[in-house]
């Protein structure tokens, strides 16, 4: 699923315009980027956590660790929540 498909699906599921869905998605992604750039981690409930790690060569990268609820949903094959 690409960004356009994701935006359409969110808009449909929440009964909002695609423009509103797109702005919401971008706002969340921008905030995650800002917090990670500051070196902090981002925990999103039982979805998971994003952490910045420094590799041996000094490059910083983002690591995602899924939460228990997300793992259970994926393993149960529940595509629709």
Protein backbone atom coordinates (compact mmCIF):
# COMPACT_ATOMS: atom_id res chain seq x y z
CA UNK A 1 0.00 0.00 0.00
CA UNK A 2 1.49 3.32 -1.03
CA UNK A 3 0.82 6.76 0.47
CA UNK A 4 -2.07 7.52 -1.87
CA UNK A 5 -3.80 4.21 -1.11
CA UNK A 6 -3.16 4.63 2.60
CA UNK A 7 -4.63 8.15 2.51
CA UNK A 8 -7.74 6.97 0.65
CA UNK A 9 -8.24 4.06 3.05
CA UNK A 10 -7.92 6.32 6.09
CA UNK A 11 -10.33 8.88 4.63
CA UNK A 12 -12.88 6.19 3.84
CA UNK A 13 -12.57 4.44 7.19
CA UNK A 14 -12.88 7.67 9.19
CA UNK A 15 -15.41 9.40 6.92
CA UNK A 16 -13.18 12.39 6.25
CA UNK A 17 -11.85 14.01 3.09
CA UNK A 18 -8.70 12.68 1.49
CA UNK A 19 -7.12 16.11 2.00
CA UNK A 20 -7.83 15.98 5.73
CA UNK A 21 -6.50 12.43 5.94
CA UNK A 22 -3.34 13.43 4.06
CA UNK A 23 -2.74 16.41 6.38
CA UNK A 24 -3.24 14.21 9.44
CA UNK A 25 -0.83 11.56 8.20
CA UNK A 26 1.80 14.17 7.33
CA UNK A 27 1.43 15.87 10.71
CA UNK A 28 2.05 12.60 12.54
CA UNK A 29 5.03 11.69 10.33
CA UNK A 30 6.55 15.18 10.69
CA UNK A 31 6.26 15.02 14.47
CA UNK A 32 7.89 11.58 14.57
CA UNK A 33 10.75 12.90 12.40
CA UNK A 34 11.27 15.93 14.67
CA UNK A 35 11.33 13.88 17.86
CA UNK A 36 13.70 11.29 16.37
CA UNK A 37 16.00 14.02 15.00
CA UNK A 38 16.27 15.32 18.56
CA UNK A 39 17.52 11.87 19.60
CA UNK A 40 14.41 10.91 21.55
CA UNK A 41 12.38 7.75 21.10
CA UNK A 42 8.74 7.69 20.08
CA UNK A 43 6.40 5.21 21.75
CA UNK A 44 2.97 4.81 20.25
CA UNK A 45 0.82 2.80 22.63
CA UNK A 46 0.79 -0.90 21.88
CA UNK A 47 1.77 -0.20 18.24
CA UNK A 48 5.48 0.02 18.97
CA UNK A 49 8.46 2.26 19.45
CA UNK A 50 10.87 4.09 17.16
CA UNK A 51 14.41 4.55 18.48
CA UNK A 52 17.49 6.24 17.05
CA UNK A 53 20.61 4.07 17.24
CA UNK A 54 24.17 4.97 16.32
CA UNK A 55 25.98 2.40 14.20
CA UNK A 56 29.66 1.56 14.63
CA UNK A 57 30.57 3.87 11.72
CA UNK A 58 28.82 6.78 13.47
CA UNK A 59 25.76 6.89 11.24
CA UNK A 60 22.45 7.22 13.01
CA UNK A 61 19.51 5.09 11.94
CA UNK A 62 15.97 4.47 13.12
CA UNK A 63 14.94 1.16 14.59
CA UNK A 64 11.33 0.07 15.06
CA UNK A 65 10.25 -2.45 17.67
CA UNK A 66 6.64 -3.54 17.31
CA UNK A 67 4.40 -3.66 20.33
CA UNK A 68 2.62 -6.72 21.67
CA UNK A 69 -0.79 -5.78 20.25
CA UNK A 70 0.60 -5.15 16.76
CA UNK A 71 2.45 -8.49 16.80
CA UNK A 72 -0.71 -10.30 17.89
CA UNK A 73 -2.79 -8.63 15.17
CA UNK A 74 -0.28 -9.50 12.45
CA UNK A 75 0.17 -13.08 13.63
CA UNK A 76 -3.60 -13.60 13.83
CA UNK A 77 -3.95 -12.35 10.25
CA UNK A 78 -6.44 -9.67 11.24
CA UNK A 79 -6.33 -7.28 8.29
CA UNK A 80 -9.43 -5.34 9.32
CA UNK A 81 -9.70 -3.78 12.73
